[in-house]
Amino acid sequence: MAFIKRKRIGGGTYLYVERSYRTTDGKVRNQILQYLGSEAKVPKADAEAAVAHWNKWTKTRKGRRSR
């Protein structure tokens, strides 16, 4: 499932769409799917639309190995 990740870099906050997945040895890892931009410049609706897109994409990939 995709989610929004906020990262503080320098003096700004930047948004990324990430997903969590489990490796073959059982460890949980995060994968950055998309960089959205500065939190101040990205509308909330656009961020939510990006997450919805990646969640839909993930469902179409069920049963396939992504890593």
N, C-alpha and C. Protein backbone atom coordinates (compact mmCIF):
# COMPACT_ATOMS: atom_id res chain seq x y z
N MET A 1 0.84 -1.17 0.00
CA MET A 1 0.00 0.00 0.00
C MET A 1 0.89 1.24 0.00
N ALA A 2 0.55 2.20 -0.82
CA ALA A 2 1.31 3.43 -0.95
C ALA A 2 0.89 4.43 0.13
N PHE A 3 1.82 5.32 0.47
CA PHE A 3 1.55 6.35 1.46
C PHE A 3 2.45 7.55 1.18
N ILE A 4 2.12 8.69 1.79
CA ILE A 4 2.91 9.91 1.65
C ILE A 4 3.99 9.93 2.72
N LYS A 5 5.21 10.22 2.30
CA LYS A 5 6.34 10.34 3.23
C LYS A 5 6.82 11.78 3.15
N ARG A 6 6.96 12.42 4.31
CA ARG A 6 7.49 13.78 4.37
C ARG A 6 8.95 13.71 4.83
N LYS A 7 9.83 14.35 4.08
CA LYS A 7 11.25 14.39 4.45
C LYS A 7 11.67 15.84 4.61
N ARG A 8 12.35 16.11 5.74
CA ARG A 8 12.89 17.44 5.96
C ARG A 8 14.32 17.44 5.43
N ILE A 9 14.56 18.28 4.44
CA ILE A 9 15.88 18.41 3.85
C ILE A 9 16.22 19.89 3.85
N GLY A 10 17.33 20.21 4.49
CA GLY A 10 17.68 21.63 4.61
C GLY A 10 16.62 22.33 5.43
N GLY A 11 16.00 23.35 4.88
CA GLY A 11 14.95 24.07 5.59
C GLY A 11 13.57 23.75 5.09
N GLY A 12 13.46 22.84 4.12
CA GLY A 12 12.15 22.57 3.53
C GLY A 12 11.66 21.16 3.80
N THR A 13 10.38 20.96 3.54
CA THR A 13 9.77 19.65 3.67
C THR A 13 9.32 19.21 2.27
N TYR A 14 9.70 17.99 1.90
CA TYR A 14 9.42 17.46 0.58
C TYR A 14 8.58 16.20 0.69
N LEU A 15 7.72 15.99 -0.29
CA LEU A 15 6.79 14.86 -0.27
C LEU A 15 7.19 13.80 -1.28
N TYR A 16 7.08 12.55 -0.85
CA TYR A 16 7.34 11.39 -1.69
C TYR A 16 6.21 10.40 -1.51
N VAL A 17 5.92 9.64 -2.56
CA VAL A 17 4.99 8.51 -2.44
C VAL A 17 5.87 7.28 -2.26
N GLU A 18 5.62 6.53 -1.19
CA GLU A 18 6.41 5.33 -0.90
C GLU A 18 5.49 4.14 -0.70
N ARG A 19 6.06 2.96 -0.77
CA ARG A 19 5.33 1.74 -0.42
C ARG A 19 6.25 0.87 0.42
N SER A 20 5.67 0.03 1.23
CA SER A 20 6.41 -0.94 2.03
C SER A 20 6.27 -2.30 1.39
N TYR A 21 7.33 -3.07 1.44
CA TYR A 21 7.28 -4.44 0.95
C TYR A 21 8.18 -5.30 1.82
N ARG A 22 7.94 -6.57 1.79
CA ARG A 22 8.70 -7.52 2.59
C ARG A 22 9.65 -8.29 1.67
N THR A 23 10.93 -8.37 2.07
CA THR A 23 11.91 -9.09 1.27
C THR A 23 11.77 -10.59 1.49
N THR A 24 12.54 -11.36 0.75
CA THR A 24 12.45 -12.81 0.86
C THR A 24 12.91 -13.31 2.23
N ASP A 25 13.77 -12.53 2.90
CA ASP A 25 14.21 -12.94 4.24
C ASP A 25 13.34 -12.34 5.35
N GLY A 26 12.22 -11.72 4.98
CA GLY A 26 11.24 -11.26 5.97
C GLY A 26 11.42 -9.83 6.45
N LYS A 27 12.42 -9.11 5.96
CA LYS A 27 12.63 -7.73 6.38
C LYS A 27 11.71 -6.80 5.61
N VAL A 28 11.26 -5.74 6.29
CA VAL A 28 10.40 -4.76 5.66
C VAL A 28 11.27 -3.63 5.12
N ARG A 29 11.03 -3.26 3.88
CA ARG A 29 11.76 -2.18 3.22
C ARG A 29 10.76 -1.18 2.64
N ASN A 30 11.21 0.04 2.44
CA ASN A 30 10.40 1.07 1.78
C ASN A 30 11.00 1.36 0.42
N GLN A 31 10.13 1.60 -0.54
CA GLN A 31 10.55 1.94 -1.88
C GLN A 31 9.89 3.25 -2.26
N ILE A 32 10.70 4.22 -2.71
CA ILE A 32 10.15 5.48 -3.20
C ILE A 32 9.59 5.24 -4.59
N LEU A 33 8.32 5.57 -4.77
CA LEU A 33 7.65 5.38 -6.05
C LEU A 33 7.64 6.66 -6.87
N GLN A 34 7.50 7.81 -6.18
CA GLN A 34 7.38 9.07 -6.91
C GLN A 34 7.76 10.22 -6.00
N TYR A 35 8.48 11.18 -6.55
CA TYR A 35 8.77 12.44 -5.87
C TYR A 35 7.67 13.41 -6.26
N LEU A 36 7.04 14.05 -5.27
CA LEU A 36 5.95 14.97 -5.55
C LEU A 36 6.40 16.42 -5.57
N GLY A 37 7.35 16.77 -4.73
CA GLY A 37 7.82 18.15 -4.68
C GLY A 37 7.74 18.72 -3.28
N SER A 38 7.91 20.02 -3.21
CA SER A 38 7.88 20.74 -1.94
C SER A 38 6.47 20.70 -1.36
N GLU A 39 6.39 20.51 -0.05
CA GLU A 39 5.08 20.44 0.62
C GLU A 39 4.28 21.72 0.41
N ALA A 40 4.97 22.86 0.36
CA ALA A 40 4.30 24.14 0.20
C ALA A 40 3.69 24.29 -1.20
N LYS A 41 4.25 23.60 -2.20
CA LYS A 41 3.80 23.78 -3.58
C LYS A 41 2.86 22.70 -4.09
N VAL A 42 2.76 21.57 -3.37
CA VAL A 42 1.93 20.46 -3.84
C VAL A 42 0.56 20.51 -3.14
N PRO A 43 -0.51 20.68 -3.91
CA PRO A 43 -1.85 20.66 -3.30
C PRO A 43 -2.16 19.29 -2.71
N LYS A 44 -2.92 19.28 -1.64
CA LYS A 44 -3.27 18.03 -0.96
C LYS A 44 -4.01 17.08 -1.90
N ALA A 45 -4.86 17.62 -2.75
CA ALA A 45 -5.62 16.77 -3.69
C ALA A 45 -4.69 16.06 -4.66
N ASP A 46 -3.63 16.74 -5.11
CA ASP A 46 -2.68 16.10 -6.02
C ASP A 46 -1.92 14.98 -5.32
N ALA A 47 -1.55 15.20 -4.07
CA ALA A 47 -0.84 14.17 -3.31
C ALA A 47 -1.74 12.95 -3.10
N GLU A 48 -3.00 13.18 -2.77
CA GLU A 48 -3.94 12.08 -2.58
C GLU A 48 -4.20 11.33 -3.88
N ALA A 49 -4.24 12.05 -5.00
CA ALA A 49 -4.45 11.41 -6.30
C ALA A 49 -3.25 10.53 -6.66
N ALA A 50 -2.05 10.98 -6.33
CA ALA A 50 -0.85 10.18 -6.60
C ALA A 50 -0.88 8.89 -5.78
N VAL A 51 -1.27 8.98 -4.52
CA VAL A 51 -1.35 7.78 -3.68
C VAL A 51 -2.41 6.83 -4.22
N ALA A 52 -3.55 7.37 -4.64
CA ALA A 52 -4.61 6.52 -5.21
C ALA A 52 -4.12 5.82 -6.47
N HIS A 53 -3.37 6.54 -7.30
CA HIS A 53 -2.82 5.94 -8.52
C HIS A 53 -1.89 4.78 -8.18
N TRP A 54 -0.99 4.97 -7.24
CA TRP A 54 -0.03 3.91 -6.91
C TRP A 54 -0.71 2.74 -6.20
N ASN A 55 -1.74 3.00 -5.40
CA ASN A 55 -2.48 1.90 -4.78
C ASN A 55 -3.18 1.06 -5.85
N LYS A 56 -3.74 1.71 -6.87
CA LYS A 56 -4.37 0.99 -7.97
C LYS A 56 -3.32 0.19 -8.74
N TRP A 57 -2.18 0.79 -8.98
CA TRP A 57 -1.08 0.12 -9.68
C TRP A 57 -0.61 -1.11 -8.91
N THR A 58 -0.51 -0.99 -7.59
CA THR A 58 -0.07 -2.11 -6.76
C THR A 58 -1.04 -3.27 -6.86
N LYS A 59 -2.35 -3.00 -6.88
CA LYS A 59 -3.35 -4.06 -6.97
C LYS A 59 -3.26 -4.81 -8.29
N THR A 60 -2.87 -4.12 -9.37
CA THR A 60 -2.75 -4.79 -10.66
C THR A 60 -1.49 -5.66 -10.72
N ARG A 61 -0.55 -5.45 -9.79
CA ARG A 61 0.70 -6.18 -9.78
C ARG A 61 0.69 -7.37 -8.83
N LYS A 62 -0.44 -7.64 -8.19
CA LYS A 62 -0.52 -8.76 -7.25
C LYS A 62 -0.12 -10.06 -7.93
N GLY A 63 0.65 -10.86 -7.25
CA GLY A 63 1.06 -12.13 -7.78
C GLY A 63 2.34 -12.06 -8.61
N ARG A 64 2.81 -10.86 -8.86
CA ARG A 64 4.06 -10.69 -9.61
C ARG A 64 5.16 -10.27 -8.65
N ARG A 65 6.32 -10.69 -8.88
CA ARG A 65 7.44 -10.27 -8.03
C ARG A 65 7.90 -8.91 -8.46
N SER A 66 7.93 -7.98 -7.52
CA SER A 66 8.40 -6.64 -7.85
C SER A 66 9.85 -6.45 -7.49
N ARG A 67 10.38 -7.31 -6.67
CA ARG A 67 11.80 -7.23 -6.27
C ARG A 67 12.37 -8.60 -6.19
